[in-house]
Protein backbone atom coordinates (compact mmCIF):
# COMPACT_ATOMS: atom_id res chain seq x y z
CA UNK A 1 0.00 0.00 0.00
CA UNK A 2 1.39 3.37 -1.02
CA UNK A 3 1.67 5.84 1.83
CA UNK A 4 2.93 9.41 1.81
CA UNK A 5 2.29 11.48 4.92
CA UNK A 6 3.65 15.01 5.05
CA UNK A 7 3.93 17.07 8.22
CA UNK A 8 5.65 20.08 9.71
CA UNK A 9 4.00 22.97 7.92
CA UNK A 10 2.66 26.07 9.57
CA UNK A 11 2.67 29.84 9.69
CA UNK A 12 6.10 31.46 9.81
CA UNK A 13 7.36 35.00 9.41
CA UNK A 14 9.58 35.99 6.50
CA UNK A 15 13.15 34.98 7.25
CA UNK A 16 12.03 32.11 9.45
CA UNK A 17 12.62 28.39 9.21
CA UNK A 18 10.59 25.20 9.09
CA UNK A 19 11.41 21.52 8.79
CA UNK A 20 9.05 19.32 6.83
CA UNK A 21 8.90 15.56 7.17
CA UNK A 22 7.43 12.90 4.94
CA UNK A 23 6.86 9.31 6.01
CA UNK A 24 6.72 7.03 3.01
CA UNK A 25 5.89 3.39 2.59
CA UNK A 26 8.93 1.22 2.13
CA UNK A 27 7.67 -0.07 -1.18
CA UNK A 28 8.12 3.30 -2.86
CA UNK A 29 10.90 4.77 -0.76
CA UNK A 30 13.61 2.16 -0.87
CA UNK A 31 14.57 2.15 -4.53
CA UNK A 32 13.48 5.57 -5.70
CA UNK A 33 14.69 9.10 -5.75
CA UNK A 34 12.42 11.26 -3.62
CA UNK A 35 11.29 14.80 -4.17
CA UNK A 36 9.56 17.66 -2.44
CA UNK A 37 7.01 19.44 -4.56
CA UNK A 38 4.90 22.51 -3.88
CA UNK A 39 1.76 24.06 -5.25
CA UNK A 40 1.08 27.71 -4.63
CA UNK A 41 -2.42 29.17 -5.00
CA UNK A 42 -3.32 29.49 -8.66
CA UNK A 43 -0.12 27.81 -9.84
CA UNK A 44 0.86 24.37 -11.01
CA UNK A 45 2.70 21.95 -8.78
CA UNK A 46 6.47 22.18 -9.13
CA UNK A 47 9.41 20.08 -8.00
CA UNK A 48 11.62 22.09 -5.66
CA UNK A 49 14.12 19.53 -4.35
CA UNK A 50 15.21 16.01 -5.23
CA UNK A 51 17.41 13.45 -3.52
CA UNK A 52 18.63 10.28 -5.15
CA UNK A 53 19.01 6.93 -3.46
CA UNK A 54 22.70 7.66 -3.00
CA UNK A 55 22.10 11.09 -1.52
CA UNK A 56 22.81 13.34 -4.48
CA UNK A 57 20.59 16.42 -4.27
CA UNK A 58 19.20 18.90 -6.77
CA UNK A 59 17.22 22.09 -6.23
CA UNK A 60 15.21 24.52 -8.26
CA UNK A 61 17.02 27.84 -8.52
CA UNK A 62 14.52 29.70 -6.37
CA UNK A 63 15.35 27.64 -3.26
CA UNK A 64 19.05 26.96 -3.73
CA UNK A 65 21.02 27.90 -0.66
CA UNK A 66 17.88 28.11 1.48
CA UNK A 67 16.37 24.60 1.39
CA UNK A 68 18.06 21.31 2.19
CA UNK A 69 16.56 17.92 1.38
CA UNK A 70 17.68 14.80 3.20
CA UNK A 71 16.52 11.23 3.66
CA UNK A 72 16.65 8.63 6.41
CA UNK A 73 16.65 5.29 4.64
CA UNK A 74 16.19 3.36 7.88
CA UNK A 75 13.00 5.25 8.68
CA UNK A 76 11.69 5.67 5.11
CA UNK A 77 11.48 9.40 5.76
CA UNK A 78 12.48 12.39 3.70
CA UNK A 79 12.97 15.86 5.15
CA UNK A 80 13.01 19.40 3.83
CA UNK A 81 14.79 21.97 5.97
CA UNK A 82 13.68 25.41 4.87
CA UNK A 83 15.34 28.62 5.99
CA UNK A 84 15.24 32.29 5.00
CA UNK A 85 11.64 31.74 4.02
CA UNK A 86 9.94 34.22 1.73
CA UNK A 87 6.26 34.97 1.09
CA UNK A 88 6.73 33.37 -2.36
CA UNK A 89 7.43 30.06 -0.58
CA UNK A 90 3.81 29.96 0.58
CA UNK A 91 2.32 26.75 -0.81
CA UNK A 92 1.12 23.27 -0.01
CA UNK A 93 4.18 21.03 0.08
CA UNK A 94 4.07 17.40 -0.99
CA UNK A 95 6.57 14.60 -1.17
CA UNK A 96 6.63 11.89 -3.79
CA UNK A 97 9.05 9.83 -5.75
CA UNK A 98 10.87 11.60 -8.57
CA UNK A 99 9.50 11.12 -11.15
CA UNK A 100 6.26 11.27 -9.22
CA UNK A 101 3.79 8.44 -8.87
CA UNK A 102 0.13 9.10 -9.49
CA UNK A 103 -0.59 8.88 -5.75
CA UNK A 104 -0.34 12.10 -3.75
CA UNK A 105 -0.67 12.60 -0.02
CA UNK A 106 -2.59 15.47 1.55
CA UNK A 107 0.45 17.71 1.73
CA UNK A 108 1.34 20.22 4.43
CA UNK A 109 0.58 23.92 4.19
CA UNK A 110 3.39 26.43 4.60
CA UNK A 111 2.37 30.05 4.98
CA UNK A 112 5.05 32.72 5.06
CA UNK A 113 3.58 35.99 6.23
CA UNK A 114 4.15 38.75 8.70
C-alpha atoms as a PDB file:
ATOM      1  CA  UNK A   1       0.000   0.000   0.000  1.00  0.00           C
ATOM      2  CA  UNK A   2       1.393   3.374  -1.018  1.00  0.00           C
ATOM      3  CA  UNK A   3       1.669   5.838   1.829  1.00  0.00           C
ATOM      4  CA  UNK A   4       2.930   9.410   1.811  1.00  0.00           C
ATOM      5  CA  UNK A   5       2.287  11.485   4.915  1.00  0.00           C
ATOM      6  CA  UNK A   6       3.647  15.006   5.045  1.00  0.00           C
ATOM      7  CA  UNK A   7       3.927  17.073   8.222  1.00  0.00           C
ATOM      8  CA  UNK A   8       5.653  20.079   9.711  1.00  0.00           C
ATOM      9  CA  UNK A   9       4.005  22.965   7.919  1.00  0.00           C
ATOM     10  CA  UNK A  10       2.658  26.069   9.567  1.00  0.00           C
ATOM     11  CA  UNK A  11       2.675  29.835   9.695  1.00  0.00           C
ATOM     12  CA  UNK A  12       6.100  31.460   9.805  1.00  0.00           C
ATOM     13  CA  UNK A  13       7.356  34.998   9.414  1.00  0.00           C
ATOM     14  CA  UNK A  14       9.575  35.988   6.495  1.00  0.00           C
ATOM     15  CA  UNK A  15      13.148  34.977   7.246  1.00  0.00           C
ATOM     16  CA  UNK A  16      12.029  32.114   9.453  1.00  0.00           C
ATOM     17  CA  UNK A  17      12.617  28.386   9.212  1.00  0.00           C
ATOM     18  CA  UNK A  18      10.590  25.197   9.091  1.00  0.00           C
ATOM     19  CA  UNK A  19      11.414  21.524   8.794  1.00  0.00           C
ATOM     20  CA  UNK A  20       9.047  19.324   6.831  1.00  0.00           C
ATOM     21  CA  UNK A  21       8.897  15.555   7.173  1.00  0.00           C
ATOM     22  CA  UNK A  22       7.431  12.896   4.944  1.00  0.00           C
ATOM     23  CA  UNK A  23       6.861   9.313   6.012  1.00  0.00           C
ATOM     24  CA  UNK A  24       6.717   7.034   3.007  1.00  0.00           C
ATOM     25  CA  UNK A  25       5.885   3.393   2.586  1.00  0.00           C
ATOM     26  CA  UNK A  26       8.932   1.222   2.130  1.00  0.00           C
ATOM     27  CA  UNK A  27       7.667  -0.071  -1.178  1.00  0.00           C
ATOM     28  CA  UNK A  28       8.121   3.299  -2.855  1.00  0.00           C
ATOM     29  CA  UNK A  29      10.900   4.766  -0.758  1.00  0.00           C
ATOM     30  CA  UNK A  30      13.610   2.157  -0.872  1.00  0.00           C
ATOM     31  CA  UNK A  31      14.569   2.151  -4.526  1.00  0.00           C
ATOM     32  CA  UNK A  32      13.476   5.570  -5.698  1.00  0.00           C
ATOM     33  CA  UNK A  33      14.693   9.096  -5.748  1.00  0.00           C
ATOM     34  CA  UNK A  34      12.419  11.260  -3.618  1.00  0.00           C
ATOM     35  CA  UNK A  35      11.292  14.805  -4.168  1.00  0.00           C
ATOM     36  CA  UNK A  36       9.563  17.665  -2.445  1.00  0.00           C
ATOM     37  CA  UNK A  37       7.007  19.444  -4.558  1.00  0.00           C
ATOM     38  CA  UNK A  38       4.900  22.510  -3.879  1.00  0.00           C
ATOM     39  CA  UNK A  39       1.756  24.058  -5.251  1.00  0.00           C
ATOM     40  CA  UNK A  40       1.080  27.707  -4.628  1.00  0.00           C
ATOM     41  CA  UNK A  41      -2.423  29.170  -5.004  1.00  0.00           C
ATOM     42  CA  UNK A  42      -3.315  29.493  -8.663  1.00  0.00           C
ATOM     43  CA  UNK A  43      -0.121  27.808  -9.838  1.00  0.00           C
ATOM     44  CA  UNK A  44       0.861  24.366 -11.014  1.00  0.00           C
ATOM     45  CA  UNK A  45       2.703  21.950  -8.777  1.00  0.00           C
ATOM     46  CA  UNK A  46       6.470  22.175  -9.129  1.00  0.00           C
ATOM     47  CA  UNK A  47       9.409  20.078  -7.999  1.00  0.00           C
ATOM     48  CA  UNK A  48      11.624  22.093  -5.657  1.00  0.00           C
ATOM     49  CA  UNK A  49      14.118  19.529  -4.351  1.00  0.00           C
ATOM     50  CA  UNK A  50      15.212  16.009  -5.231  1.00  0.00           C
ATOM     51  CA  UNK A  51      17.407  13.451  -3.515  1.00  0.00           C
ATOM     52  CA  UNK A  52      18.633  10.284  -5.148  1.00  0.00           C
ATOM     53  CA  UNK A  53      19.006   6.925  -3.460  1.00  0.00           C
ATOM     54  CA  UNK A  54      22.704   7.665  -2.999  1.00  0.00           C
ATOM     55  CA  UNK A  55      22.100  11.086  -1.520  1.00  0.00           C
ATOM     56  CA  UNK A  56      22.806  13.345  -4.479  1.00  0.00           C
ATOM     57  CA  UNK A  57      20.592  16.421  -4.273  1.00  0.00           C
ATOM     58  CA  UNK A  58      19.201  18.905  -6.771  1.00  0.00           C
ATOM     59  CA  UNK A  59      17.220  22.090  -6.229  1.00  0.00           C
ATOM     60  CA  UNK A  60      15.205  24.521  -8.257  1.00  0.00           C
ATOM     61  CA  UNK A  61      17.023  27.836  -8.522  1.00  0.00           C
ATOM     62  CA  UNK A  62      14.516  29.701  -6.373  1.00  0.00           C
ATOM     63  CA  UNK A  63      15.347  27.637  -3.261  1.00  0.00           C
ATOM     64  CA  UNK A  64      19.053  26.955  -3.733  1.00  0.00           C
ATOM     65  CA  UNK A  65      21.022  27.900  -0.658  1.00  0.00           C
ATOM     66  CA  UNK A  66      17.879  28.106   1.479  1.00  0.00           C
ATOM     67  CA  UNK A  67      16.365  24.602   1.386  1.00  0.00           C
ATOM     68  CA  UNK A  68      18.056  21.305   2.194  1.00  0.00           C
ATOM     69  CA  UNK A  69      16.563  17.916   1.376  1.00  0.00           C
ATOM     70  CA  UNK A  70      17.681  14.795   3.204  1.00  0.00           C
ATOM     71  CA  UNK A  71      16.519  11.227   3.659  1.00  0.00           C
ATOM     72  CA  UNK A  72      16.646   8.633   6.407  1.00  0.00           C
ATOM     73  CA  UNK A  73      16.648   5.292   4.642  1.00  0.00           C
ATOM     74  CA  UNK A  74      16.193   3.360   7.879  1.00  0.00           C
ATOM     75  CA  UNK A  75      12.996   5.252   8.677  1.00  0.00           C
ATOM     76  CA  UNK A  76      11.688   5.671   5.109  1.00  0.00           C
ATOM     77  CA  UNK A  77      11.484   9.397   5.764  1.00  0.00           C
ATOM     78  CA  UNK A  78      12.480  12.389   3.699  1.00  0.00           C
ATOM     79  CA  UNK A  79      12.973  15.858   5.148  1.00  0.00           C
ATOM     80  CA  UNK A  80      13.013  19.396   3.835  1.00  0.00           C
ATOM     81  CA  UNK A  81      14.794  21.967   5.965  1.00  0.00           C
ATOM     82  CA  UNK A  82      13.680  25.409   4.865  1.00  0.00           C
ATOM     83  CA  UNK A  83      15.335  28.618   5.988  1.00  0.00           C
ATOM     84  CA  UNK A  84      15.241  32.292   5.003  1.00  0.00           C
ATOM     85  CA  UNK A  85      11.640  31.738   4.016  1.00  0.00           C
ATOM     86  CA  UNK A  86       9.944  34.222   1.731  1.00  0.00           C
ATOM     87  CA  UNK A  87       6.263  34.973   1.087  1.00  0.00           C
ATOM     88  CA  UNK A  88       6.726  33.368  -2.362  1.00  0.00           C
ATOM     89  CA  UNK A  89       7.426  30.060  -0.577  1.00  0.00           C
ATOM     90  CA  UNK A  90       3.812  29.958   0.577  1.00  0.00           C
ATOM     91  CA  UNK A  91       2.320  26.748  -0.814  1.00  0.00           C
ATOM     92  CA  UNK A  92       1.120  23.271  -0.011  1.00  0.00           C
ATOM     93  CA  UNK A  93       4.185  21.033   0.084  1.00  0.00           C
ATOM     94  CA  UNK A  94       4.067  17.403  -0.987  1.00  0.00           C
ATOM     95  CA  UNK A  95       6.573  14.605  -1.172  1.00  0.00           C
ATOM     96  CA  UNK A  96       6.630  11.889  -3.790  1.00  0.00           C
ATOM     97  CA  UNK A  97       9.050   9.834  -5.753  1.00  0.00           C
ATOM     98  CA  UNK A  98      10.873  11.596  -8.568  1.00  0.00           C
ATOM     99  CA  UNK A  99       9.501  11.116 -11.151  1.00  0.00           C
ATOM    100  CA  UNK A 100       6.257  11.267  -9.216  1.00  0.00           C
ATOM    101  CA  UNK A 101       3.790   8.444  -8.867  1.00  0.00           C
ATOM    102  CA  UNK A 102       0.128   9.099  -9.492  1.00  0.00           C
ATOM    103  CA  UNK A 103      -0.588   8.878  -5.753  1.00  0.00           C
ATOM    104  CA  UNK A 104      -0.343  12.104  -3.749  1.00  0.00           C
ATOM    105  CA  UNK A 105      -0.672  12.598  -0.022  1.00  0.00           C
ATOM    106  CA  UNK A 106      -2.589  15.473   1.545  1.00  0.00           C
ATOM    107  CA  UNK A 107       0.447  17.709   1.732  1.00  0.00           C
ATOM    108  CA  UNK A 108       1.337  20.217   4.429  1.00  0.00           C
ATOM    109  CA  UNK A 109       0.583  23.920   4.186  1.00  0.00           C
ATOM    110  CA  UNK A 110       3.394  26.428   4.603  1.00  0.00           C
ATOM    111  CA  UNK A 111       2.368  30.050   4.976  1.00  0.00           C
ATOM    112  CA  UNK A 112       5.046  32.723   5.064  1.00  0.00           C
ATOM    113  CA  UNK A 113       3.578  35.988   6.230  1.00  0.00           C
ATOM    114  CA  UNK A 114       4.148  38.749   8.703  1.00  0.00           C
END
